[in-house]
Amino acid sequence: MSDGAWSSDHFDSCLRREAMAWLTIRTNDGLDPISRQDLVDFTIDGKMFRLMDPTRGIRKPKELSSALSISTTYRAPGAKRPYEDKVGSDGLLRYKWSTTDPNNMDNRGLRAAMNEGVPLIWFYGVGPSLFQPIYPVFI
């Protein structure tokens, strides 16, 4: 964050680029999943920065004008997920809103990402506290 010298747009694009490059290295070019614990190792400008929200499915950091990532909780085969996120038969992501309120702050963050055309990271749960990062994804 360089002592506040970065503009918010510059920080946003740099953060997304560095996060995806870091994930590429940490996940063997996206082939290997990453644990929730390993995700806390990401830093930008020498400071820890969460790529995934620990309690919510949508990560919209206060430093950004739009969402950075979305996550889908792992459930054992046959168990019901809180939301039925999936990849559709057309190969496109089907990610459910947070609640049914389109004006919920998380949903506003997703709409802002769509309007800004910024890439997101989708952390898809493949095991307990284990995620397959899929990126870039666009809304």
Foldseek 3Di string as FASTA:
>chain_A
DVVPPDDLVRCVVVVLVQLQVVCCVVAVHLPRWDFLVVQQPDDDPPHGDHQQDPPAQWADDPSHPATAEGEFADDPPPDDGPDPWDQDPVRATDDDDDPPDCPDPRNSRLVVQQVVVHFHWYFYDPDVRITRIDDRHGD
